[in-house]
N, C-alpha and C. Protein backbone atom coordinates (compact mmCIF):
# COMPACT_ATOMS: atom_id res chain seq x y z
N UNK A 1 -40.22 -47.21 -91.10
CA UNK A 1 -38.85 -47.18 -90.37
C UNK A 1 -38.48 -45.65 -90.29
N UNK A 2 -37.88 -45.42 -89.11
CA UNK A 2 -37.17 -44.09 -88.88
C UNK A 2 -35.96 -43.97 -89.26
N UNK A 3 -35.38 -42.83 -88.88
CA UNK A 3 -33.95 -42.44 -89.50
C UNK A 3 -33.02 -43.41 -88.32
N UNK A 4 -31.85 -43.60 -89.26
CA UNK A 4 -30.95 -44.45 -88.22
C UNK A 4 -30.48 -43.61 -86.80
N UNK A 5 -30.33 -42.42 -86.94
CA UNK A 5 -30.31 -41.66 -85.65
C UNK A 5 -31.47 -41.98 -84.51
N UNK A 6 -32.47 -42.04 -85.14
CA UNK A 6 -33.84 -42.46 -84.00
C UNK A 6 -33.65 -43.80 -83.74
N UNK A 7 -32.96 -44.93 -84.35
CA UNK A 7 -33.23 -46.29 -83.95
C UNK A 7 -31.91 -46.35 -83.12
N UNK A 8 -30.64 -45.76 -83.38
CA UNK A 8 -29.50 -46.13 -82.44
C UNK A 8 -29.29 -44.83 -81.41
N UNK A 9 -29.18 -45.38 -80.15
CA UNK A 9 -29.00 -44.54 -79.03
C UNK A 9 -27.59 -43.81 -79.32
N UNK A 10 -27.57 -42.66 -78.67
CA UNK A 10 -26.29 -42.02 -78.63
C UNK A 10 -25.30 -42.70 -77.68
N UNK A 11 -24.09 -42.62 -77.68
CA UNK A 11 -22.92 -43.32 -76.76
C UNK A 11 -23.36 -42.74 -75.35
N UNK A 12 -23.64 -41.69 -75.26
CA UNK A 12 -23.76 -41.09 -73.82
C UNK A 12 -25.19 -41.55 -73.44
N UNK A 13 -25.79 -41.84 -74.15
CA UNK A 13 -27.25 -42.40 -73.44
C UNK A 13 -27.08 -43.92 -73.17
N UNK A 14 -26.41 -44.62 -73.77
CA UNK A 14 -26.02 -46.02 -73.43
C UNK A 14 -25.21 -46.17 -72.24
N UNK A 15 -23.98 -45.19 -72.14
CA UNK A 15 -23.02 -45.23 -71.06
C UNK A 15 -22.02 -46.33 -71.08
N UNK A 16 -21.31 -46.72 -72.12
CA UNK A 16 -20.56 -47.66 -72.23
C UNK A 16 -19.50 -47.69 -71.33
N UNK A 17 -18.70 -48.92 -70.89
CA UNK A 17 -17.64 -48.83 -70.26
C UNK A 17 -16.56 -48.49 -71.13
N UNK A 18 -16.39 -48.89 -72.28
CA UNK A 18 -15.21 -48.69 -73.29
C UNK A 18 -15.96 -48.02 -74.66
N UNK A 19 -15.44 -47.02 -75.10
CA UNK A 19 -15.89 -46.39 -76.19
C UNK A 19 -15.65 -47.30 -77.39
N UNK A 20 -14.60 -48.00 -77.52
CA UNK A 20 -14.10 -48.75 -78.50
C UNK A 20 -15.43 -50.21 -78.87
N UNK A 21 -15.61 -50.43 -77.67
CA UNK A 21 -16.86 -51.71 -77.39
C UNK A 21 -17.90 -51.11 -77.95
N UNK A 22 -18.41 -50.04 -77.86
CA UNK A 22 -19.32 -49.60 -78.36
C UNK A 22 -19.59 -49.16 -79.71
N UNK A 23 -18.39 -48.58 -80.22
CA UNK A 23 -18.02 -48.64 -81.70
C UNK A 23 -18.20 -49.96 -82.33
N UNK A 24 -17.72 -51.12 -81.79
CA UNK A 24 -17.84 -52.42 -82.44
C UNK A 24 -19.03 -52.91 -82.26
N UNK A 25 -19.94 -52.62 -81.38
CA UNK A 25 -21.48 -53.06 -81.50
C UNK A 25 -22.44 -52.41 -82.36
N UNK A 26 -22.02 -50.98 -82.27
CA UNK A 26 -22.51 -50.01 -83.37
C UNK A 26 -22.46 -50.37 -84.79
N UNK A 27 -21.16 -50.81 -85.28
CA UNK A 27 -20.79 -51.19 -86.59
C UNK A 27 -21.29 -52.36 -86.96
N UNK A 28 -21.47 -53.28 -85.83
CA UNK A 28 -22.27 -54.83 -86.19
C UNK A 28 -23.60 -54.75 -86.51
N UNK A 29 -24.25 -53.91 -85.43
CA UNK A 29 -25.73 -53.66 -85.64
C UNK A 29 -26.07 -53.04 -87.14
N UNK A 30 -25.32 -52.10 -87.26
CA UNK A 30 -25.53 -51.12 -88.64
C UNK A 30 -25.45 -52.24 -89.78
N UNK A 31 -24.35 -53.12 -89.79
CA UNK A 31 -24.03 -53.86 -90.93
C UNK A 31 -25.42 -54.61 -90.94
N UNK A 32 -25.98 -55.53 -89.94
CA UNK A 32 -27.09 -56.21 -89.86
C UNK A 32 -28.30 -55.61 -90.41
N UNK A 33 -28.24 -54.33 -90.31
CA UNK A 33 -29.67 -53.66 -90.64
C UNK A 33 -29.56 -53.31 -92.33
N UNK A 34 -28.13 -52.97 -92.65
CA UNK A 34 -28.07 -52.49 -93.93
C UNK A 34 -26.93 -53.29 -94.62
N UNK A 35 -27.06 -53.72 -95.43
CA UNK A 35 -25.90 -54.56 -95.96
C UNK A 35 -24.95 -53.79 -96.86
N UNK A 36 -25.54 -52.64 -97.51
CA UNK A 36 -25.00 -51.47 -98.19
C UNK A 36 -23.69 -50.88 -97.42
N UNK A 37 -23.76 -51.05 -95.89
CA UNK A 37 -22.89 -50.38 -94.90
C UNK A 37 -21.41 -50.86 -95.23
N UNK A 38 -20.97 -51.77 -95.95
CA UNK A 38 -19.64 -52.09 -96.19
C UNK A 38 -19.08 -50.90 -96.91
N UNK A 39 -19.91 -50.24 -97.91
CA UNK A 39 -19.28 -49.01 -98.43
C UNK A 39 -19.38 -47.75 -97.58
N UNK A 40 -20.07 -47.83 -96.66
CA UNK A 40 -20.19 -46.67 -96.16
C UNK A 40 -19.22 -46.59 -94.50
N UNK A 41 -19.19 -47.85 -94.16
CA UNK A 41 -18.67 -47.77 -92.93
C UNK A 41 -17.43 -47.01 -92.68
N UNK A 42 -16.73 -47.24 -93.59
CA UNK A 42 -15.03 -46.74 -93.17
C UNK A 42 -15.35 -45.11 -93.05
N UNK A 43 -16.20 -44.53 -94.07
CA UNK A 43 -16.43 -42.99 -93.79
C UNK A 43 -17.27 -42.98 -92.43
N UNK A 44 -18.14 -43.68 -91.84
CA UNK A 44 -18.93 -43.35 -90.79
C UNK A 44 -17.85 -43.64 -89.65
N UNK A 45 -16.73 -44.56 -89.85
CA UNK A 45 -16.12 -44.79 -88.52
C UNK A 45 -15.06 -43.90 -88.46
N UNK A 46 -14.64 -43.27 -89.51
CA UNK A 46 -13.56 -42.26 -89.59
C UNK A 46 -14.24 -40.90 -89.10
N UNK A 47 -15.50 -40.70 -89.16
CA UNK A 47 -16.14 -39.62 -88.55
C UNK A 47 -16.37 -39.85 -87.19
N UNK A 48 -16.57 -40.99 -86.52
CA UNK A 48 -16.86 -41.36 -85.28
C UNK A 48 -15.35 -41.16 -84.60
N UNK A 49 -14.37 -41.73 -85.28
CA UNK A 49 -12.97 -41.58 -84.66
C UNK A 49 -12.72 -40.06 -84.44
N UNK A 50 -12.83 -39.52 -85.62
CA UNK A 50 -12.44 -37.96 -85.43
C UNK A 50 -13.39 -37.31 -84.25
N UNK A 51 -14.79 -37.50 -84.00
CA UNK A 51 -15.36 -37.03 -83.10
C UNK A 51 -14.89 -37.62 -81.67
N UNK A 52 -14.51 -38.57 -81.59
CA UNK A 52 -14.03 -39.31 -80.28
C UNK A 52 -12.50 -38.59 -79.97
N UNK A 53 -11.75 -38.12 -80.93
CA UNK A 53 -10.48 -37.60 -80.83
C UNK A 53 -10.90 -36.12 -80.13
N UNK A 54 -11.89 -35.38 -81.05
CA UNK A 54 -12.27 -34.07 -80.53
C UNK A 54 -12.62 -34.07 -79.13
N UNK A 55 -13.53 -35.28 -78.84
CA UNK A 55 -14.08 -35.14 -77.39
C UNK A 55 -12.86 -35.37 -76.38
N UNK A 56 -12.03 -36.37 -76.66
CA UNK A 56 -10.77 -36.40 -75.83
C UNK A 56 -9.95 -35.27 -75.78
N UNK A 57 -9.89 -34.31 -76.76
CA UNK A 57 -9.04 -33.17 -76.69
C UNK A 57 -9.79 -32.26 -75.68
N UNK A 58 -11.08 -32.06 -75.72
CA UNK A 58 -12.00 -31.17 -74.97
C UNK A 58 -11.71 -31.61 -73.53
N UNK A 59 -11.83 -32.77 -73.50
CA UNK A 59 -11.68 -33.38 -71.95
C UNK A 59 -10.38 -32.91 -71.30
N UNK A 60 -9.34 -33.31 -71.99
CA UNK A 60 -7.95 -32.96 -71.47
C UNK A 60 -7.85 -31.58 -71.41
N UNK A 61 -8.20 -30.39 -72.24
CA UNK A 61 -8.40 -29.07 -71.83
C UNK A 61 -8.93 -28.90 -70.76
N UNK A 62 -10.41 -29.36 -70.67
CA UNK A 62 -11.01 -29.14 -69.41
C UNK A 62 -10.37 -29.61 -67.97
N UNK A 63 -9.38 -30.69 -68.36
CA UNK A 63 -8.80 -31.06 -66.97
C UNK A 63 -7.66 -30.29 -66.65
N UNK A 64 -7.03 -29.55 -67.76
CA UNK A 64 -6.06 -28.83 -67.56
C UNK A 64 -6.36 -27.42 -66.84
N UNK A 65 -7.55 -26.91 -67.49
CA UNK A 65 -8.07 -25.74 -66.64
C UNK A 65 -8.42 -25.95 -65.36
N UNK A 66 -8.88 -27.04 -65.26
CA UNK A 66 -9.36 -27.36 -63.74
C UNK A 66 -8.34 -27.57 -62.81
N UNK A 67 -7.31 -28.10 -63.34
CA UNK A 67 -6.19 -28.12 -62.51
C UNK A 67 -5.59 -26.86 -62.02
N UNK A 68 -5.50 -25.94 -63.27
CA UNK A 68 -5.05 -24.43 -63.08
C UNK A 68 -5.87 -23.71 -61.97
N UNK A 69 -7.33 -23.89 -62.19
CA UNK A 69 -8.20 -23.24 -61.11
C UNK A 69 -7.88 -23.57 -59.64
N UNK A 70 -7.63 -24.88 -59.33
CA UNK A 70 -7.22 -25.68 -58.16
C UNK A 70 -6.02 -24.91 -57.97
N UNK A 71 -5.02 -24.83 -58.74
CA UNK A 71 -3.82 -24.18 -58.22
C UNK A 71 -3.77 -22.54 -57.62
N UNK A 72 -4.59 -21.96 -58.46
CA UNK A 72 -4.95 -20.80 -58.06
C UNK A 72 -5.71 -20.42 -56.91
N UNK A 73 -6.66 -21.36 -56.43
CA UNK A 73 -7.31 -21.44 -54.90
C UNK A 73 -6.18 -21.83 -53.93
N UNK A 74 -5.55 -22.77 -54.17
CA UNK A 74 -4.65 -23.10 -53.03
C UNK A 74 -3.70 -22.06 -52.51
N UNK A 75 -3.09 -21.28 -53.70
CA UNK A 75 -2.32 -20.08 -53.38
C UNK A 75 -2.88 -18.97 -53.00
């Protein structure tokens, strides 16, 4: 068997409608593959939520800069 990263597709590859839905499915599949996960999943989920938060911050910054560029072009 390969590593977990090779078995599980990245969220941008599966293109879910809702990230929370993907997190739920990922957690469920991970637990079925490895019963030890109950000890690890809190740490893993906290990492994923931190990445999600970071991603949302980057997106909001990009939106703000994009809006700023549009304002400059209109003037």
